[in-house]
Amino acid sequence: MSDGCSLVGAMRAFAEPVYENTTPARAQRRDDLIVQRQTQVPHSVSTGPTLLNTLRCVCGDGCPRCNDSALAAKERPEVVVEPKTELKTDEFGANPELIRVMKGKRYVSFGDAGKHVKLIQEALISSEVPSAEGKRTRLPKHGIDGIFGSETKAAVEEFQREYGLAVDGIVGQQTLYWLDDTFRAYANRPAPAADKKLPDRFATKAAGLAAPTSVSATMKVARTVTSSPNPKPEISAGVSFEAAVEGTPDDKVFYVQNIRRIDRKIHWERTEDCKTNCEQARAFIGKAQGLDTELPYAGPFILTDGKASAAADDTPALVAQETFNPKGDFQKGDVVTLFAHDQFRMFLAHGAGSSFNFSSFNPLGFFDWEWQGKVRFTFDGTTWTAGAVQSRIDPKVTSFNQSNALVFLGPLYTKEDLETNLSSSRTKIDEKPDSW
């Protein structure tokens, strides 16, 4: 592994046998190497709330890889989520180096080594979407070896692309935020397997559960993208699902929803009697996947006499609240623009036992659907008036996909979580609604 960095390549050649067959002497040589590497490549951030480019490559100024990494670090956008005060994944929160990353005091990149790199590597492997055969392809050569080489960098880049982050192959605040959000603990989440430190990202299929003899499901559009100005500005859409299942009597059918994208933006402007803070932008932009609402989303539906029909509906909405603007109220002349773009995956799941749990259900298939719309509302002091729905994507009827049905066990998002995030977010965004 050359890549123009002879010292890092030498470190790989030296460190791999050390990690594979550690003796006290080899462990000391490994620790000396890590100290040497950290001395030559400082990761501290000097001052300021954002990550700065302080990378000094051990290869000198002529290393293309280090030059590329430095440029990528310098051009990273600011974090678009509320800063974390603590890491929610137990193993992440117990690692001092990852805590420093979370606080913006360092980042993890090509050439690093240590336990924090091992945790990142395990997270990258566990976060990969397996193929239809259940195979994973991340880190196939070196695996979890604690060394941040080109293979780990490529896996980080793949994760960043999946989550809509700046693709630079560097684990900074943004990338660690979504790694932590993907593996953080929540009620009823399965514990990590005996040989792992992180919980599962995807639900494993229940052993010994006989598959239904027949499954059919349909989706209908219950509401196209619609605006409702009163009592408060709102934009929404809606769909419904109906399934028929035949199988073992007393088995159960559930609906489980995965969020694939949540993109919500709010722009509020005071046009009368306002000299300062007359234009404010509020945004909650969710780029991760996650489980939605209570578990299950709907059900269970008992297969009485071996048959059951299972219905569910989904009506996402973005509603303007007074708390979204710094004045804490709405007045005559106020103008609010709402934007929403959501993508969902509604699963039909099959299980046994008295209640829904992660160890006793199998996904039968899913529907993918999305909606998008932007509406401008104006207030005359008493009532709101809505303009036309713009940049519109109405829900469309899609077929029931019974292949690759894989339920994601990422962070749990409830309606209250979304409302709290929208209310607490005070992120000023430079975009004007015209660009939404």
Protein backbone atom coordinates (compact mmCIF):
# COMPACT_ATOMS: atom_id res chain seq x y z
CA MET A 1 0.00 0.00 0.00
CA SER A 2 2.04 2.96 -1.20
CA ASP A 3 -0.26 5.85 -2.21
CA GLY A 4 2.77 8.13 -2.00
CA CYS A 5 3.03 7.69 1.80
CA SER A 6 5.98 5.38 2.48
CA LEU A 7 5.89 5.77 6.25
CA VAL A 8 2.22 4.90 6.50
CA GLY A 9 2.75 1.92 4.22
CA ALA A 10 5.61 0.80 6.41
CA MET A 11 3.43 1.20 9.45
CA ARG A 12 0.85 -1.16 7.93
CA ALA A 13 3.50 -3.76 7.16
CA PHE A 14 4.91 -3.46 10.67
CA ALA A 15 1.66 -3.19 12.62
CA GLU A 16 -0.35 -6.01 11.03
CA PRO A 17 1.70 -8.86 12.53
CA VAL A 18 1.79 -7.00 15.83
CA TYR A 19 -1.99 -6.92 16.01
CA GLU A 20 -2.34 -10.51 14.85
CA ASN A 21 0.11 -12.05 17.35
CA THR A 22 0.77 -9.67 20.22
CA THR A 23 3.56 -10.30 22.71
CA PRO A 24 4.67 -7.81 25.39
CA ALA A 25 7.62 -6.76 23.26
CA ARG A 26 5.49 -6.41 20.14
CA ALA A 27 2.83 -4.55 22.10
CA GLN A 28 5.47 -2.04 23.22
CA ARG A 29 6.68 -1.63 19.62
CA ARG A 30 3.04 -1.09 18.54
CA ASP A 31 2.50 1.51 21.25
CA ASP A 32 5.76 3.26 20.32
CA LEU A 33 4.61 3.34 16.70
CA ILE A 34 1.26 4.84 17.63
CA VAL A 35 2.96 7.48 19.81
CA GLN A 36 5.34 8.25 16.96
CA ARG A 37 2.44 8.57 14.52
CA GLN A 38 0.46 10.85 16.85
CA THR A 39 3.54 12.99 17.49
CA GLN A 40 4.15 13.48 13.77
CA VAL A 41 0.51 14.08 12.84
CA PRO A 42 -1.19 16.35 15.39
CA HIS A 43 -4.98 16.32 15.27
CA SER A 44 -5.77 19.11 17.68
CA VAL A 45 -7.96 21.96 16.57
CA SER A 46 -6.54 25.30 17.58
CA THR A 47 -9.57 27.52 18.22
CA GLY A 48 -13.12 28.08 17.04
CA PRO A 49 -16.29 26.03 16.96
CA THR A 50 -15.73 24.39 13.57
CA LEU A 51 -13.12 21.87 12.51
CA LEU A 52 -10.04 23.52 11.06
CA ASN A 53 -7.46 22.05 8.71
CA THR A 54 -4.47 21.37 10.96
CA LEU A 55 -3.33 18.14 9.30
CA ARG A 56 0.44 17.87 8.81
CA CYS A 57 1.22 14.79 6.76
CA VAL A 58 4.22 12.68 7.75
CA CYS A 59 5.07 12.31 4.06
CA GLY A 60 5.74 16.01 3.52
CA ASP A 61 4.12 18.43 1.13
CA GLY A 62 4.39 16.14 -1.87
CA CYS A 63 1.95 13.41 -0.82
CA PRO A 64 -1.17 13.47 -3.04
CA ARG A 65 -3.23 11.51 -0.50
CA CYS A 66 -2.45 13.90 2.34
CA ASN A 67 -2.98 16.94 0.14
CA ASP A 68 -6.36 15.59 -0.93
CA SER A 69 -7.35 14.83 2.67
CA ALA A 70 -6.29 18.28 3.84
CA LEU A 71 -8.33 19.93 1.09
CA ALA A 72 -11.36 17.80 1.91
CA ALA A 73 -11.10 18.66 5.62
CA LYS A 74 -10.82 22.36 4.86
CA GLU A 75 -13.88 22.33 2.60
CA ARG A 76 -16.16 20.34 4.91
CA PRO A 77 -19.45 22.15 5.56
CA GLU A 78 -20.51 23.11 9.05
CA VAL A 79 -22.47 20.59 11.09
CA VAL A 80 -26.18 21.02 10.32
CA VAL A 81 -27.49 19.32 13.44
CA GLU A 82 -27.67 20.41 17.05
CA PRO A 83 -24.25 19.81 18.68
CA LYS A 84 -24.13 16.70 20.83
CA THR A 85 -23.31 17.02 24.51
CA GLU A 86 -22.54 13.34 24.85
CA LEU A 87 -22.25 10.23 22.73
CA LYS A 88 -25.29 7.97 23.03
CA THR A 89 -23.64 4.72 21.97
CA ASP A 90 -22.11 3.19 25.10
CA GLU A 91 -18.82 2.08 23.54
CA PHE A 92 -18.36 5.40 21.73
CA GLY A 93 -19.02 7.34 24.93
CA ALA A 94 -16.38 5.34 26.80
CA ASN A 95 -13.61 6.11 24.27
CA PRO A 96 -11.69 9.34 25.02
CA GLU A 97 -10.54 9.81 21.41
CA LEU A 98 -14.08 9.65 20.03
CA ILE A 99 -15.19 12.08 22.74
CA ARG A 100 -12.57 14.50 21.45
CA VAL A 101 -13.94 14.05 17.92
CA MET A 102 -17.45 14.78 19.17
CA LYS A 103 -16.22 17.99 20.83
CA GLY A 104 -14.47 19.13 17.65
CA LYS A 105 -10.98 18.82 19.14
CA ARG A 106 -9.70 16.27 16.62
CA TYR A 107 -10.73 14.05 13.74
CA VAL A 108 -9.80 10.51 12.72
CA SER A 109 -8.23 9.99 9.31
CA PHE A 110 -5.82 8.00 7.16
CA GLY A 111 -2.85 6.71 9.18
CA ASP A 112 -4.50 6.73 12.61
CA ALA A 113 -4.43 3.63 14.77
CA GLY A 114 -5.89 2.50 18.07
CA LYS A 115 -9.03 1.30 19.83
CA HIS A 116 -11.06 4.23 18.51
CA VAL A 117 -10.26 3.13 14.95
CA LYS A 118 -11.39 -0.42 15.81
CA LEU A 119 -14.74 0.94 16.99
CA ILE A 120 -15.14 2.96 13.82
CA GLN A 121 -14.28 -0.11 11.73
CA GLU A 122 -16.83 -2.27 13.55
CA ALA A 123 -19.44 0.44 13.04
CA LEU A 124 -18.64 0.63 9.32
CA ILE A 125 -18.98 -3.13 8.90
CA SER A 126 -22.17 -3.31 10.96
CA SER A 127 -23.71 -0.35 9.14
CA GLU A 128 -23.34 -1.87 5.66
CA VAL A 129 -26.50 -3.01 3.91
CA PRO A 130 -25.91 -6.72 3.22
CA SER A 131 -26.53 -8.15 -0.22
CA ALA A 132 -29.51 -10.37 -0.95
CA GLU A 133 -27.31 -13.32 0.02
CA GLY A 134 -26.47 -11.69 3.35
CA LYS A 135 -22.87 -10.93 2.34
CA ARG A 136 -20.94 -7.79 3.33
CA THR A 137 -18.10 -6.27 1.34
CA ARG A 138 -16.66 -3.53 3.57
CA LEU A 139 -13.14 -4.09 4.91
CA PRO A 140 -12.80 -7.52 3.23
CA LYS A 141 -8.98 -7.64 3.36
CA HIS A 142 -7.90 -6.19 6.70
CA GLY A 143 -11.13 -6.20 8.69
CA ILE A 144 -11.16 -4.72 12.20
CA ASP A 145 -7.41 -4.25 12.70
CA GLY A 146 -7.33 -0.84 14.36
CA ILE A 147 -5.41 0.80 11.52
CA PHE A 148 -7.01 3.52 9.40
CA GLY A 149 -5.71 2.59 5.96
CA SER A 150 -7.03 3.02 2.43
CA GLU A 151 -9.62 0.25 2.91
CA THR A 152 -11.07 1.96 6.00
CA LYS A 153 -11.01 5.32 4.24
CA ALA A 154 -13.03 3.86 1.35
CA ALA A 155 -15.58 2.43 3.82
CA VAL A 156 -15.91 5.82 5.54
CA GLU A 157 -16.52 7.45 2.16
CA GLU A 158 -19.24 4.90 1.37
CA PHE A 159 -20.93 5.59 4.72
CA GLN A 160 -20.75 9.34 4.09
CA ARG A 161 -22.38 8.95 0.70
CA GLU A 162 -25.20 6.89 2.21
CA TYR A 163 -25.93 9.53 4.83
CA GLY A 164 -25.61 12.56 2.55
CA LEU A 165 -22.43 13.87 4.18
CA ALA A 166 -19.41 15.53 2.61
CA VAL A 167 -17.37 12.64 1.18
CA ASP A 168 -13.81 13.13 2.42
CA GLY A 169 -12.97 9.83 4.13
CA ILE A 170 -12.39 11.62 7.45
CA VAL A 171 -14.34 10.90 10.63
CA GLY A 172 -15.17 14.31 12.09
CA GLN A 173 -18.14 15.63 14.02
CA GLN A 174 -20.68 15.07 11.23
CA THR A 175 -19.68 11.50 10.41
CA LEU A 176 -19.38 10.54 14.08
CA TYR A 177 -22.79 12.12 14.75
CA TRP A 178 -24.49 9.73 12.33
CA LEU A 179 -22.39 6.72 13.36
CA ASP A 180 -23.45 7.40 16.95
CA ASP A 181 -27.08 8.00 15.99
CA THR A 182 -27.10 4.72 14.05
CA PHE A 183 -25.89 2.59 16.95
CA ARG A 184 -27.16 4.44 20.03
CA ALA A 185 -29.21 2.51 22.56
CA TYR A 186 -32.97 2.84 22.95
CA ALA A 187 -35.72 0.89 24.67
CA ASN A 188 -36.01 -2.73 23.51
CA ARG A 189 -33.09 -2.54 21.12
CA PRO A 190 -31.25 -5.89 20.92
CA ALA A 191 -28.00 -6.01 22.89
CA PRO A 192 -24.73 -6.49 20.97
CA ALA A 193 -23.85 -10.07 20.07
CA ALA A 194 -21.34 -11.84 22.31
CA ASP A 195 -18.44 -11.15 19.92
CA LYS A 196 -19.35 -7.51 19.24
CA LYS A 197 -19.31 -4.19 21.05
CA LEU A 198 -22.01 -2.47 18.99
CA PRO A 199 -25.70 -3.40 18.65
CA ASP A 200 -27.08 -4.72 15.38
CA ARG A 201 -28.11 -2.24 12.75
CA PHE A 202 -30.52 -4.61 10.99
CA ALA A 203 -33.08 -7.00 12.39
CA THR A 204 -32.07 -10.63 12.07
CA LYS A 205 -34.63 -13.13 10.86
CA ALA A 206 -36.41 -15.20 13.50
CA ALA A 207 -35.33 -18.83 13.56
CA GLY A 208 -37.99 -21.55 13.39
CA LEU A 209 -40.79 -19.23 12.30
CA ALA A 210 -42.79 -20.80 9.46
CA ALA A 211 -43.31 -18.37 6.60
CA PRO A 212 -46.90 -17.44 5.65
CA THR A 213 -48.40 -19.50 2.84
CA SER A 214 -49.57 -16.35 1.03
CA VAL A 215 -49.07 -12.60 1.30
CA SER A 216 -50.64 -9.83 -0.76
CA ALA A 217 -50.53 -6.10 -0.07
CA THR A 218 -51.64 -2.89 -1.77
CA MET A 219 -50.97 0.80 -1.30
CA LYS A 220 -53.36 3.69 -1.98
CA VAL A 221 -52.85 7.45 -2.08
CA ALA A 222 -55.15 8.89 0.56
CA ARG A 223 -54.07 12.51 0.15
CA THR A 224 -51.92 14.33 -2.37
CA VAL A 225 -49.64 17.12 -1.11
CA THR A 226 -52.07 19.51 0.56
CA SER A 227 -51.79 22.82 2.41
CA SER A 228 -54.03 23.79 5.32
CA PRO A 229 -53.66 27.41 6.49
CA ASN A 230 -55.79 27.33 9.64
CA PRO A 231 -55.56 27.13 12.56
CA LYS A 232 -51.81 27.05 11.78
CA PRO A 233 -49.91 26.73 8.51
CA GLU A 234 -49.58 23.06 7.63
CA ILE A 235 -48.46 20.98 4.65
CA SER A 236 -49.12 17.24 4.54
CA ALA A 237 -49.71 14.11 2.45
CA GLY A 238 -51.15 10.66 3.16
CA VAL A 239 -51.17 7.03 2.06
CA SER A 240 -52.85 3.82 3.24
CA PHE A 241 -51.92 0.15 3.12
CA GLU A 242 -53.92 -3.07 3.13
CA ALA A 243 -52.47 -6.58 3.42
CA ALA A 244 -53.92 -10.09 3.44
CA VAL A 245 -51.86 -12.86 5.04
CA GLU A 246 -52.42 -16.59 5.43
CA GLY A 247 -50.24 -18.75 7.66
CA THR A 248 -49.96 -20.39 11.06
CA PRO A 249 -52.94 -19.61 13.34
CA ASP A 250 -52.19 -17.14 16.16
CA ASP A 251 -49.12 -15.74 14.40
CA LYS A 252 -49.09 -11.98 14.16
CA VAL A 253 -48.67 -9.35 11.46
CA PHE A 254 -47.17 -5.92 12.16
CA TYR A 255 -46.40 -2.76 10.24
CA VAL A 256 -42.93 -1.30 10.89
CA GLN A 257 -41.81 1.96 9.27
CA ASN A 258 -38.28 3.00 8.39
CA ILE A 259 -37.52 6.66 7.75
CA ARG A 260 -35.22 6.95 4.76
CA ARG A 261 -35.13 10.75 4.62
CA ILE A 262 -36.55 13.64 6.60
CA ASP A 263 -35.88 17.10 5.15
CA ARG A 264 -37.88 19.91 6.76
CA LYS A 265 -37.25 23.64 6.35
CA ILE A 266 -39.09 26.64 7.75
CA HIS A 267 -38.63 30.29 6.79
CA TRP A 268 -40.37 33.02 8.81
CA GLU A 269 -40.36 36.74 8.00
CA ARG A 270 -41.90 39.70 9.83
CA THR A 271 -42.86 42.38 7.33
CA GLU A 272 -44.55 45.04 9.53
CA ASP A 273 -43.10 47.14 12.37
CA CYS A 274 -39.85 45.23 12.40
CA LYS A 275 -36.37 46.75 12.41
CA THR A 276 -34.23 43.81 13.54
CA ASN A 277 -34.47 40.03 13.22
CA CYS A 278 -37.09 40.48 10.53
CA GLU A 279 -35.98 37.43 8.58
CA GLN A 280 -35.17 34.16 10.27
CA ALA A 281 -34.67 30.67 8.93
CA ARG A 282 -35.27 27.53 10.94
CA ALA A 283 -34.30 24.11 9.67
CA PHE A 284 -34.39 20.49 10.78
CA ILE A 285 -32.67 18.35 8.21
CA GLY A 286 -32.61 14.65 9.00
CA LYS A 287 -30.33 12.66 6.74
CA ALA A 288 -30.24 9.33 8.57
CA GLN A 289 -32.47 6.31 8.36
CA GLY A 290 -34.42 5.22 11.40
CA LEU A 291 -37.39 3.47 12.92
CA ASP A 292 -40.49 5.64 13.13
CA THR A 293 -42.96 6.06 16.01
CA GLU A 294 -43.98 3.30 18.39
CA LEU A 295 -43.05 -0.30 17.72
CA PRO A 296 -44.84 -1.67 15.90
CA TYR A 297 -46.19 1.14 13.73
CA ALA A 298 -49.54 -0.68 13.51
CA GLY A 299 -50.70 -4.06 14.77
CA PRO A 300 -50.37 -6.76 15.81
CA PHE A 301 -53.02 -8.40 13.65
CA ILE A 302 -53.67 -11.98 14.77
CA LEU A 303 -53.97 -14.67 12.11
CA THR A 304 -57.31 -15.98 13.36
CA ASP A 305 -57.94 -19.35 11.67
CA GLY A 306 -54.70 -18.71 9.83
CA LYS A 307 -55.92 -15.56 8.05
CA ALA A 308 -55.85 -11.83 8.71
CA SER A 309 -56.21 -8.50 6.93
CA ALA A 310 -53.84 -5.80 8.17
CA ALA A 311 -54.42 -2.10 7.48
CA ALA A 312 -52.28 0.95 8.22
CA ASP A 313 -52.03 4.55 7.09
CA ASP A 314 -49.42 7.28 7.23
CA THR A 315 -50.05 11.03 7.13
CA PRO A 316 -46.81 13.01 7.67
CA ALA A 317 -47.22 16.75 8.18
CA LEU A 318 -45.13 19.86 8.84
CA VAL A 319 -46.92 22.44 10.99
CA ALA A 320 -45.67 25.95 11.77
CA GLN A 321 -45.48 26.79 15.48
CA GLU A 322 -44.94 30.15 17.16
CA THR A 323 -41.80 28.73 18.76
CA PHE A 324 -40.19 28.43 15.33
CA ASN A 325 -39.52 32.19 15.26
CA PRO A 326 -37.40 34.18 17.72
CA LYS A 327 -40.27 36.53 18.60
CA GLY A 328 -42.32 33.59 19.87
CA ASP A 329 -45.54 34.72 18.21
CA PHE A 330 -47.26 35.48 14.90
CA GLN A 331 -48.38 38.98 13.96
CA LYS A 332 -50.11 40.70 11.09
CA GLY A 333 -47.96 40.69 7.97
CA ASP A 334 -45.93 37.61 8.94
CA VAL A 335 -44.94 35.31 6.09
CA VAL A 336 -44.06 31.65 6.65
CA THR A 337 -42.71 29.23 4.03
CA LEU A 338 -42.79 25.51 4.79
CA PHE A 339 -40.80 22.88 2.89
CA ALA A 340 -40.91 19.13 3.40
CA HIS A 341 -39.33 16.23 1.53
CA ASP A 342 -39.74 12.81 3.15
CA GLN A 343 -39.00 9.29 1.96
CA PHE A 344 -40.41 6.31 3.84
CA ARG A 345 -40.27 2.52 3.72
CA MET A 346 -43.31 0.79 5.27
CA PHE A 347 -42.61 -2.85 6.14
CA LEU A 348 -45.07 -5.68 6.64
CA ALA A 349 -43.62 -7.98 9.31
CA HIS A 350 -44.58 -11.45 10.53
CA GLY A 351 -44.00 -12.64 14.08
CA ALA A 352 -44.92 -15.00 16.88
CA GLY A 353 -45.33 -14.52 20.60
CA SER A 354 -47.52 -12.29 22.72
CA SER A 355 -46.09 -8.97 21.53
CA PHE A 356 -43.79 -7.39 19.01
CA ASN A 357 -40.09 -7.80 19.70
CA PHE A 358 -36.93 -7.74 17.66
CA SER A 359 -36.11 -11.41 18.08
CA SER A 360 -39.36 -12.90 16.82
CA PHE A 361 -40.38 -11.30 13.54
CA ASN A 362 -39.47 -11.54 9.88
CA PRO A 363 -40.03 -8.80 7.29
CA LEU A 364 -42.36 -9.97 4.51
CA GLY A 365 -41.91 -7.02 2.17
CA PHE A 366 -42.20 -3.25 1.96
CA PHE A 367 -43.55 -0.20 0.14
CA ASP A 368 -41.33 2.78 -0.68
CA TRP A 369 -42.98 6.16 -0.99
CA GLU A 370 -42.14 9.86 -0.81
CA TRP A 371 -43.71 13.30 -0.87
CA GLN A 372 -42.39 16.83 -1.29
CA GLY A 373 -43.94 20.26 -1.29
CA LYS A 374 -43.35 23.94 -0.51
CA VAL A 375 -46.05 26.45 0.42
CA ARG A 376 -45.95 30.16 1.30
CA PHE A 377 -48.44 31.34 3.94
CA THR A 378 -49.35 34.94 4.87
CA PHE A 379 -51.04 36.16 8.07
CA ASP A 380 -53.48 39.11 8.25
CA GLY A 381 -53.57 39.16 12.03
CA THR A 382 -56.55 36.80 12.29
CA THR A 383 -56.30 34.08 9.65
CA TRP A 384 -53.69 32.54 7.40
CA THR A 385 -53.84 32.37 3.60
CA ALA A 386 -51.98 29.67 1.69
CA GLY A 387 -50.35 30.03 -1.69
CA ALA A 388 -49.99 27.29 -4.28
CA VAL A 389 -48.08 24.08 -3.51
CA GLN A 390 -44.71 24.29 -5.27
CA SER A 391 -41.88 21.82 -6.03
CA ARG A 392 -44.49 19.15 -5.65
CA ILE A 393 -43.99 15.38 -5.46
CA ASP A 394 -47.28 13.64 -4.73
CA PRO A 395 -47.28 10.11 -3.27
CA LYS A 396 -47.46 7.45 -5.97
CA VAL A 397 -48.84 3.93 -5.79
CA THR A 398 -45.93 1.49 -5.66
CA SER A 399 -45.76 -2.29 -5.75
CA PHE A 400 -45.12 -4.48 -2.72
CA ASN A 401 -41.42 -5.42 -2.78
CA GLN A 402 -40.81 -8.84 -1.25
CA SER A 403 -37.09 -8.97 -2.06
CA ASN A 404 -34.32 -7.69 0.21
CA ALA A 405 -36.79 -6.87 2.98
CA LEU A 406 -34.39 -5.69 5.69
CA VAL A 407 -35.64 -3.70 8.67
CA PHE A 408 -33.18 -1.09 9.87
CA LEU A 409 -32.75 -0.91 13.66
CA GLY A 410 -31.26 2.56 13.74
CA PRO A 411 -32.34 5.42 15.99
CA LEU A 412 -35.96 5.54 17.07
CA TYR A 413 -37.76 8.63 15.79
CA THR A 414 -41.12 9.53 17.30
CA LYS A 415 -43.47 12.35 16.44
CA GLU A 416 -42.37 14.05 19.65
CA ASP A 417 -38.71 13.75 18.61
CA LEU A 418 -39.40 15.55 15.34
CA GLU A 419 -41.40 18.29 17.03
CA THR A 420 -38.68 18.75 19.66
CA ASN A 421 -35.97 18.96 17.01
CA LEU A 422 -37.96 21.47 14.99
CA SER A 423 -38.73 23.57 18.05
CA SER A 424 -35.22 23.52 19.52
CA SER A 425 -33.34 24.03 16.27
CA ARG A 426 -32.11 27.58 15.94
CA THR A 427 -29.95 27.03 12.91
CA LYS A 428 -29.82 30.08 10.67
CA ILE A 429 -29.63 28.89 7.08
CA ASP A 430 -28.55 31.21 4.28
CA GLU A 431 -30.85 29.64 1.71
CA LYS A 432 -33.87 31.64 0.62
CA PRO A 433 -37.16 29.80 0.04
CA ASP A 434 -36.80 30.51 -3.67
CA SER A 435 -33.97 27.96 -3.75
CA TRP A 436 -35.89 25.23 -1.91
